[in-house]
Amino acid sequence: MFRIALTAALLFASASLHATTYILETHHTQGVLRWNHLGFSNPTAQFSRVEGTLEFDATHPLAAAVSVTIPLANLNSGLSDLDDDLRSASFFDTAKFPVATFKSTKVEKGAGPNQFKVSGELNVHGVTRPVALDVVLNKIGVNPRNSLPSIGFEATTTLKRSEFGLGNYVPQVSDEVQVHITTQADEAKSYAQRLRADATSAQADAKRAAEDAAAAEAVAAKVGEAAKDSQR
């Protein structure tokens, strides 16, 4: 029995060693919250600028792991008064709890191809509870726009907000909140190299711009001196 357990542990460790680390791309990762209002409508709010990492091996997808941080100060419903209310102490109290976090604990096969059930711990409003996400792998491959190895997922779940201390106005405003997340992530090392290259290019551009400005100022100064001489 000990040998079987040891072998299983070694196999899992081996699988983890071959996982690729991805960084969530903030410009292409966002979530939508949807709830029911008095039975008449289903308003939404969006969160963005999500940060996190994903460990994923396409040959061992059930060994995947994800850790995510969601800033709540930029919740956006399109209505400034509702946004203020959502950020206030009546709901998310973002001054005290500025972020929500999710860390996976288990990945299981889903109902169809490229579908998974990802369980983990969600912390919102100072409360941590288990949550299960239905996840679909959209695509894994090289991004043709930036040549980076990339991966993309959709994730959905339904939460009861009262379980996180956010139960104001239930049941007139539904306790259940539907969550839909779309995410794209880039392979971490390649992404870091791309950022360094962009930073170097930006520095070079800034240097050239400064040189061009200095040259233009010198020309302007000469023109000004010539104009003064012609008036003497």
C-alpha atoms as a PDB file:
ATOM      1  CA  MET A   1       0.000   0.000   0.000  1.00  0.00           C
ATOM      2  CA  PHE A   2       2.852   2.383   0.871  1.00  0.00           C
ATOM      3  CA  ARG A   3       4.548   1.661  -2.464  1.00  0.00           C
ATOM      4  CA  ILE A   4       1.308   2.360  -4.351  1.00  0.00           C
ATOM      5  CA  ALA A   5       0.829   5.658  -2.545  1.00  0.00           C
ATOM      6  CA  LEU A   6       4.467   6.626  -3.117  1.00  0.00           C
ATOM      7  CA  THR A   7       4.230   5.758  -6.807  1.00  0.00           C
ATOM      8  CA  ALA A   8       1.060   7.824  -7.174  1.00  0.00           C
ATOM      9  CA  ALA A   9       2.711  10.767  -5.449  1.00  0.00           C
ATOM     10  CA  LEU A  10       5.749  10.537  -7.702  1.00  0.00           C
ATOM     11  CA  LEU A  11       3.564  10.375 -10.806  1.00  0.00           C
ATOM     12  CA  PHE A  12       1.641  13.459  -9.693  1.00  0.00           C
ATOM     13  CA  ALA A  13       4.880  15.306  -8.963  1.00  0.00           C
ATOM     14  CA  SER A  14       6.207  14.335 -12.386  1.00  0.00           C
ATOM     15  CA  ALA A  15       3.037  15.645 -14.032  1.00  0.00           C
ATOM     16  CA  SER A  16       3.334  18.918 -12.115  1.00  0.00           C
ATOM     17  CA  LEU A  17       6.923  19.347 -13.312  1.00  0.00           C
ATOM     18  CA  HIS A  18       5.713  19.336 -16.911  1.00  0.00           C
ATOM     19  CA  ALA A  19       2.928  21.880 -16.354  1.00  0.00           C
ATOM     20  CA  THR A  20       3.218  25.238 -18.080  1.00  0.00           C
ATOM     21  CA  THR A  21       2.833  28.351 -15.968  1.00  0.00           C
ATOM     22  CA  TYR A  22       0.557  30.954 -17.518  1.00  0.00           C
ATOM     23  CA  ILE A  23      -0.141  34.527 -16.413  1.00  0.00           C
ATOM     24  CA  LEU A  24      -3.674  35.851 -16.828  1.00  0.00           C
ATOM     25  CA  GLU A  25      -3.756  38.652 -19.366  1.00  0.00           C
ATOM     26  CA  THR A  26      -5.579  41.528 -17.720  1.00  0.00           C
ATOM     27  CA  HIS A  27      -6.753  43.047 -21.028  1.00  0.00           C
ATOM     28  CA  HIS A  28      -8.551  39.846 -22.011  1.00  0.00           C
ATOM     29  CA  THR A  29      -9.805  38.605 -18.659  1.00  0.00           C
ATOM     30  CA  GLN A  30     -13.096  39.870 -17.282  1.00  0.00           C
ATOM     31  CA  GLY A  31     -16.177  38.713 -15.456  1.00  0.00           C
ATOM     32  CA  VAL A  32     -19.865  39.532 -15.541  1.00  0.00           C
ATOM     33  CA  LEU A  33     -22.232  39.330 -12.550  1.00  0.00           C
ATOM     34  CA  ARG A  34     -25.953  38.982 -13.278  1.00  0.00           C
ATOM     35  CA  TRP A  35     -28.855  39.111 -10.811  1.00  0.00           C
ATOM     36  CA  ASN A  36     -32.630  39.465 -10.900  1.00  0.00           C
ATOM     37  CA  HIS A  37     -34.341  42.706  -9.894  1.00  0.00           C
ATOM     38  CA  LEU A  38     -37.932  42.298  -8.640  1.00  0.00           C
ATOM     39  CA  GLY A  39     -38.574  39.710 -11.332  1.00  0.00           C
ATOM     40  CA  PHE A  40     -38.613  42.430 -13.991  1.00  0.00           C
ATOM     41  CA  SER A  41     -35.022  42.649 -15.179  1.00  0.00           C
ATOM     42  CA  ASN A  42     -31.608  41.025 -14.968  1.00  0.00           C
ATOM     43  CA  PRO A  43     -28.982  43.760 -14.510  1.00  0.00           C
ATOM     44  CA  THR A  44     -25.256  43.128 -14.780  1.00  0.00           C
ATOM     45  CA  ALA A  45     -21.970  44.470 -13.477  1.00  0.00           C
ATOM     46  CA  GLN A  46     -18.521  43.767 -14.831  1.00  0.00           C
ATOM     47  CA  PHE A  47     -15.181  43.272 -13.109  1.00  0.00           C
ATOM     48  CA  SER A  48     -11.820  43.513 -14.868  1.00  0.00           C
ATOM     49  CA  ARG A  49      -8.064  43.922 -14.307  1.00  0.00           C
ATOM     50  CA  VAL A  50      -8.023  40.379 -12.932  1.00  0.00           C
ATOM     51  CA  GLU A  51      -4.594  39.033 -11.995  1.00  0.00           C
ATOM     52  CA  GLY A  52      -3.488  35.459 -11.462  1.00  0.00           C
ATOM     53  CA  THR A  53      -1.580  32.388 -12.553  1.00  0.00           C
ATOM     54  CA  LEU A  54      -2.509  29.048 -14.062  1.00  0.00           C
ATOM     55  CA  GLU A  55      -0.542  25.806 -14.019  1.00  0.00           C
ATOM     56  CA  PHE A  56      -1.701  23.632 -16.903  1.00  0.00           C
ATOM     57  CA  ASP A  57      -0.431  20.542 -18.691  1.00  0.00           C
ATOM     58  CA  ALA A  58      -2.590  19.508 -21.640  1.00  0.00           C
ATOM     59  CA  THR A  59      -1.620  15.862 -21.085  1.00  0.00           C
ATOM     60  CA  HIS A  60      -2.616  16.004 -17.391  1.00  0.00           C
ATOM     61  CA  PRO A  61      -5.387  18.645 -17.228  1.00  0.00           C
ATOM     62  CA  LEU A  62      -6.783  17.350 -13.934  1.00  0.00           C
ATOM     63  CA  ALA A  63      -3.521  18.376 -12.241  1.00  0.00           C
ATOM     64  CA  ALA A  64      -4.137  22.014 -13.181  1.00  0.00           C
ATOM     65  CA  ALA A  65      -4.127  24.757 -10.550  1.00  0.00           C
ATOM     66  CA  VAL A  66      -5.272  28.369 -10.661  1.00  0.00           C
ATOM     67  CA  SER A  67      -4.914  31.306  -8.295  1.00  0.00           C
ATOM     68  CA  VAL A  68      -6.734  34.573  -9.001  1.00  0.00           C
ATOM     69  CA  THR A  69      -7.058  38.033  -7.454  1.00  0.00           C
ATOM     70  CA  ILE A  70     -10.009  40.219  -8.471  1.00  0.00           C
ATOM     71  CA  PRO A  71      -9.891  43.959  -7.662  1.00  0.00           C
ATOM     72  CA  LEU A  72     -13.380  45.121  -6.701  1.00  0.00           C
ATOM     73  CA  ALA A  73     -12.905  48.890  -6.758  1.00  0.00           C
ATOM     74  CA  ASN A  74     -13.444  48.926 -10.527  1.00  0.00           C
ATOM     75  CA  LEU A  75     -16.797  47.105 -10.507  1.00  0.00           C
ATOM     76  CA  ASN A  76     -18.773  48.725 -13.292  1.00  0.00           C
ATOM     77  CA  SER A  77     -22.505  48.439 -13.907  1.00  0.00           C
ATOM     78  CA  GLY A  78     -22.672  51.446 -16.221  1.00  0.00           C
ATOM     79  CA  LEU A  79     -24.605  53.352 -13.522  1.00  0.00           C
ATOM     80  CA  SER A  80     -22.480  55.514 -11.249  1.00  0.00           C
ATOM     81  CA  ASP A  81     -24.943  55.508  -8.338  1.00  0.00           C
ATOM     82  CA  LEU A  82     -25.228  51.699  -8.422  1.00  0.00           C
ATOM     83  CA  ASP A  83     -21.445  51.382  -8.661  1.00  0.00           C
ATOM     84  CA  ASP A  84     -21.072  53.567  -5.567  1.00  0.00           C
ATOM     85  CA  ASP A  85     -23.644  51.425  -3.766  1.00  0.00           C
ATOM     86  CA  LEU A  86     -21.874  48.177  -4.713  1.00  0.00           C
ATOM     87  CA  ARG A  87     -18.550  49.520  -3.435  1.00  0.00           C
ATOM     88  CA  SER A  88     -20.054  50.889  -0.220  1.00  0.00           C
ATOM     89  CA  ALA A  89     -20.281  49.217   3.187  1.00  0.00           C
ATOM     90  CA  SER A  90     -23.812  48.106   2.232  1.00  0.00           C
ATOM     91  CA  PHE A  91     -22.319  45.551  -0.146  1.00  0.00           C
ATOM     92  CA  PHE A  92     -18.685  44.780  -1.024  1.00  0.00           C
ATOM     93  CA  ASP A  93     -17.188  47.460   1.264  1.00  0.00           C
ATOM     94  CA  THR A  94     -14.189  47.796  -1.030  1.00  0.00           C
ATOM     95  CA  ALA A  95     -12.442  50.224   1.328  1.00  0.00           C
ATOM     96  CA  LYS A  96     -12.127  47.349   3.804  1.00  0.00           C
ATOM     97  CA  PHE A  97     -12.128  44.402   1.375  1.00  0.00           C
ATOM     98  CA  PRO A  98     -10.544  45.677  -1.846  1.00  0.00           C
ATOM     99  CA  VAL A  99     -10.105  42.305  -3.540  1.00  0.00           C
ATOM    100  CA  ALA A 100     -11.719  38.906  -3.937  1.00  0.00           C
ATOM    101  CA  THR A 101      -9.551  35.807  -4.335  1.00  0.00           C
ATOM    102  CA  PHE A 102     -10.004  32.314  -5.703  1.00  0.00           C
ATOM    103  CA  LYS A 103      -7.628  29.381  -5.333  1.00  0.00           C
ATOM    104  CA  SER A 104      -8.414  26.004  -6.847  1.00  0.00           C
ATOM    105  CA  THR A 105      -8.286  22.817  -4.788  1.00  0.00           C
ATOM    106  CA  LYS A 106      -9.434  20.182  -7.288  1.00  0.00           C
ATOM    107  CA  VAL A 107     -10.029  19.734 -11.019  1.00  0.00           C
ATOM    108  CA  GLU A 108     -12.374  17.057 -12.355  1.00  0.00           C
ATOM    109  CA  LYS A 109     -13.629  16.034 -15.784  1.00  0.00           C
ATOM    110  CA  GLY A 110     -16.738  17.801 -16.990  1.00  0.00           C
ATOM    111  CA  ALA A 111     -19.689  16.561 -19.001  1.00  0.00           C
ATOM    112  CA  GLY A 112     -18.075  16.915 -22.418  1.00  0.00           C
ATOM    113  CA  PRO A 113     -14.787  17.365 -24.295  1.00  0.00           C
ATOM    114  CA  ASN A 114     -12.606  20.178 -22.969  1.00  0.00           C
ATOM    115  CA  GLN A 115     -14.986  20.659 -20.051  1.00  0.00           C
ATOM    116  CA  PHE A 116     -13.933  20.613 -16.406  1.00  0.00           C
ATOM    117  CA  LYS A 117     -15.284  21.179 -12.941  1.00  0.00           C
ATOM    118  CA  VAL A 118     -12.875  23.317 -10.925  1.00  0.00           C
ATOM    119  CA  SER A 119     -13.444  23.436  -7.171  1.00  0.00           C
ATOM    120  CA  GLY A 120     -11.761  25.938  -4.928  1.00  0.00           C
ATOM    121  CA  GLU A 121     -11.958  28.491  -2.139  1.00  0.00           C
ATOM    122  CA  LEU A 122     -13.508  31.880  -2.915  1.00  0.00           C
ATOM    123  CA  ASN A 123     -12.905  34.761  -0.526  1.00  0.00           C
ATOM    124  CA  VAL A 124     -15.239  37.751  -0.837  1.00  0.00           C
ATOM    125  CA  HIS A 125     -16.089  40.388   1.772  1.00  0.00           C
ATOM    126  CA  GLY A 126     -13.865  38.646   4.309  1.00  0.00           C
ATOM    127  CA  VAL A 127     -15.742  35.339   3.957  1.00  0.00           C
ATOM    128  CA  THR A 128     -14.204  32.202   2.440  1.00  0.00           C
ATOM    129  CA  ARG A 129     -16.452  29.476   1.033  1.00  0.00           C
ATOM    130  CA  PRO A 130     -16.074  26.512  -1.324  1.00  0.00           C
ATOM    131  CA  VAL A 131     -17.149  27.194  -4.905  1.00  0.00           C
ATOM    132  CA  ALA A 132     -17.333  24.995  -8.010  1.00  0.00           C
ATOM    133  CA  LEU A 133     -16.830  26.439 -11.499  1.00  0.00           C
ATOM    134  CA  ASP A 134     -17.972  24.863 -14.754  1.00  0.00           C
ATOM    135  CA  VAL A 135     -15.053  25.470 -17.086  1.00  0.00           C
ATOM    136  CA  VAL A 136     -14.607  25.119 -20.834  1.00  0.00           C
ATOM    137  CA  LEU A 137     -11.192  25.149 -22.493  1.00  0.00           C
ATOM    138  CA  ASN A 138     -11.599  27.475 -25.482  1.00  0.00           C
ATOM    139  CA  LYS A 139      -8.212  27.086 -27.089  1.00  0.00           C
ATOM    140  CA  ILE A 140      -4.574  26.356 -26.391  1.00  0.00           C
ATOM    141  CA  GLY A 141      -1.879  27.350 -28.867  1.00  0.00           C
ATOM    142  CA  VAL A 142       0.246  30.232 -30.144  1.00  0.00           C
ATOM    143  CA  ASN A 143      -1.359  33.664 -30.251  1.00  0.00           C
ATOM    144  CA  PRO A 144      -0.918  34.891 -33.847  1.00  0.00           C
ATOM    145  CA  ARG A 145      -0.909  38.526 -32.706  1.00  0.00           C
ATOM    146  CA  ASN A 146       2.075  38.342 -30.354  1.00  0.00           C
ATOM    147  CA  SER A 147       3.525  34.831 -30.980  1.00  0.00           C
ATOM    148  CA  LEU A 148       3.103  33.897 -27.302  1.00  0.00           C
ATOM    149  CA  PRO A 149       1.941  30.421 -26.186  1.00  0.00           C
ATOM    150  CA  SER A 150      -1.547  31.141 -24.866  1.00  0.00           C
ATOM    151  CA  ILE A 151      -4.605  29.483 -23.392  1.00  0.00           C
ATOM    152  CA  GLY A 152      -8.207  30.574 -22.971  1.00  0.00           C
ATOM    153  CA  PHE A 153     -11.143  29.451 -20.815  1.00  0.00           C
ATOM    154  CA  GLU A 154     -14.757  30.257 -20.008  1.00  0.00           C
ATOM    155  CA  ALA A 155     -15.962  29.683 -16.444  1.00  0.00           C
ATOM    156  CA  THR A 156     -19.454  29.930 -14.980  1.00  0.00           C
ATOM    157  CA  THR A 157     -21.034  29.441 -11.589  1.00  0.00           C
ATOM    158  CA  THR A 158     -23.956  30.639  -9.476  1.00  0.00           C
ATOM    159  CA  LEU A 159     -23.353  32.082  -6.017  1.00  0.00           C
ATOM    160  CA  LYS A 160     -25.624  32.955  -3.134  1.00  0.00           C
ATOM    161  CA  ARG A 161     -24.490  36.414  -2.113  1.00  0.00           C
ATOM    162  CA  SER A 162     -26.016  36.107   1.350  1.00  0.00           C
ATOM    163  CA  GLU A 163     -23.440  33.394   2.115  1.00  0.00           C
ATOM    164  CA  PHE A 164     -20.747  36.077   1.803  1.00  0.00           C
ATOM    165  CA  GLY A 165     -22.508  38.645   4.001  1.00  0.00           C
ATOM    166  CA  LEU A 166     -23.929  40.484   0.980  1.00  0.00           C
ATOM    167  CA  GLY A 167     -27.618  39.753   1.530  1.00  0.00           C
ATOM    168  CA  ASN A 168     -29.139  43.237   1.452  1.00  0.00           C
ATOM    169  CA  TYR A 169     -32.547  43.458  -0.273  1.00  0.00           C
ATOM    170  CA  VAL A 170     -33.039  39.700  -0.605  1.00  0.00           C
ATOM    171  CA  PRO A 171     -35.491  38.470  -1.888  1.00  0.00           C
ATOM    172  CA  GLN A 172     -36.547  41.544  -3.872  1.00  0.00           C
ATOM    173  CA  VAL A 173     -33.103  41.476  -5.421  1.00  0.00           C
ATOM    174  CA  SER A 174     -32.178  37.842  -6.017  1.00  0.00           C
ATOM    175  CA  ASP A 175     -29.870  36.052  -3.630  1.00  0.00           C
ATOM    176  CA  GLU A 176     -28.479  34.041  -6.533  1.00  0.00           C
ATOM    177  CA  VAL A 177     -25.912  35.789  -8.696  1.00  0.00           C
ATOM    178  CA  GLN A 178     -24.762  34.259 -11.967  1.00  0.00           C
ATOM    179  CA  VAL A 179     -21.057  34.649 -12.710  1.00  0.00           C
ATOM    180  CA  HIS A 180     -19.469  34.336 -16.148  1.00  0.00           C
ATOM    181  CA  ILE A 181     -15.710  34.713 -16.518  1.00  0.00           C
ATOM    182  CA  THR A 182     -13.698  34.742 -19.717  1.00  0.00           C
ATOM    183  CA  THR A 183      -9.929  34.578 -19.526  1.00  0.00           C
ATOM    184  CA  GLN A 184      -6.879  34.452 -21.724  1.00  0.00           C
ATOM    185  CA  ALA A 185      -3.462  33.682 -20.302  1.00  0.00           C
ATOM    186  CA  ASP A 186       0.062  33.791 -21.714  1.00  0.00           C
ATOM    187  CA  GLU A 187       2.981  31.486 -20.940  1.00  0.00           C
ATOM    188  CA  ALA A 188       4.807  33.211 -18.103  1.00  0.00           C
ATOM    189  CA  LYS A 189       8.432  33.176 -19.322  1.00  0.00           C
ATOM    190  CA  SER A 190       7.536  34.274 -22.840  1.00  0.00           C
ATOM    191  CA  TYR A 191       5.222  36.948 -21.447  1.00  0.00           C
ATOM    192  CA  ALA A 192       7.973  38.291 -19.171  1.00  0.00           C
ATOM    193  CA  GLN A 193      10.409  38.398 -22.102  1.00  0.00           C
ATOM    194  CA  ARG A 194       7.823  40.258 -24.175  1.00  0.00           C
ATOM    195  CA  LEU A 195       7.306  42.824 -21.410  1.00  0.00           C
ATOM    196  CA  ARG A 196      11.065  43.345 -21.079  1.00  0.00           C
ATOM    197  CA  ALA A 197      11.368  43.794 -24.849  1.00  0.00           C
ATOM    198  CA  ASP A 198       8.477  46.285 -24.821  1.00  0.00           C
ATOM    199  CA  ALA A 199      10.092  48.185 -21.946  1.00  0.00           C
ATOM    200  CA  THR A 200      13.437  48.315 -23.765  1.00  0.00           C
ATOM    201  CA  SER A 201      11.716  49.513 -26.918  1.00  0.00           C
ATOM    202  CA  ALA A 202       9.816  52.161 -24.961  1.00  0.00           C
ATOM    203  CA  GLN A 203      13.068  53.396 -23.404  1.00  0.00           C
ATOM    204  CA  ALA A 204      14.692  53.573 -26.827  1.00  0.00           C
ATOM    205  CA  ASP A 205      11.673  55.459 -28.185  1.00  0.00           C
ATOM    206  CA  ALA A 206      11.794  57.865 -25.251  1.00  0.00           C
ATOM    207  CA  LYS A 207      15.513  58.443 -25.818  1.00  0.00           C
ATOM    208  CA  ARG A 208      14.959  59.125 -29.525  1.00  0.00           C
ATOM    209  CA  ALA A 209      12.077  61.447 -28.705  1.00  0.00           C
ATOM    210  CA  ALA A 210      14.270  63.369 -26.239  1.00  0.00           C
ATOM    211  CA  GLU A 211      17.037  63.651 -28.833  1.00  0.00           C
ATOM    212  CA  ASP A 212      14.558  64.841 -31.476  1.00  0.00           C
ATOM    213  CA  ALA A 213      13.159  67.409 -29.036  1.00  0.00           C
ATOM    214  CA  ALA A 214      16.653  68.670 -28.218  1.00  0.00           C
ATOM    215  CA  ALA A 215      17.470  68.937 -31.911  1.00  0.00           C
ATOM    216  CA  ALA A 216      14.238  70.828 -32.600  1.00  0.00           C
ATOM    217  CA  GLU A 217      14.935  73.195 -29.708  1.00  0.00           C
ATOM    218  CA  ALA A 218      18.439  73.831 -31.078  1.00  0.00           C
ATOM    219  CA  VAL A 219      17.055  74.630 -34.517  1.00  0.00           C
ATOM    220  CA  ALA A 220      14.429  76.918 -32.998  1.00  0.00           C
ATOM    221  CA  ALA A 221      17.123  78.713 -31.015  1.00  0.00           C
ATOM    222  CA  LYS A 222      19.249  79.259 -34.150  1.00  0.00           C
ATOM    223  CA  VAL A 223      16.244  80.575 -36.067  1.00  0.00           C
ATOM    224  CA  GLY A 224      15.500  82.947 -33.220  1.00  0.00           C
ATOM    225  CA  GLU A 225      19.075  84.240 -33.162  1.00  0.00           C
ATOM    226  CA  ALA A 226      19.063  84.690 -36.940  1.00  0.00           C
ATOM    227  CA  ALA A 227      15.815  86.684 -36.719  1.00  0.00           C
ATOM    228  CA  LYS A 228      17.339  88.948 -34.060  1.00  0.00           C
ATOM    229  CA  ASP A 229      20.449  89.507 -36.185  1.00  0.00           C
ATOM    230  CA  SER A 230      18.339  90.508 -39.205  1.00  0.00           C
ATOM    231  CA  GLN A 231      16.567  93.139 -37.133  1.00  0.00           C
ATOM    232  CA  ARG A 232      19.766  94.798 -35.941  1.00  0.00           C
END
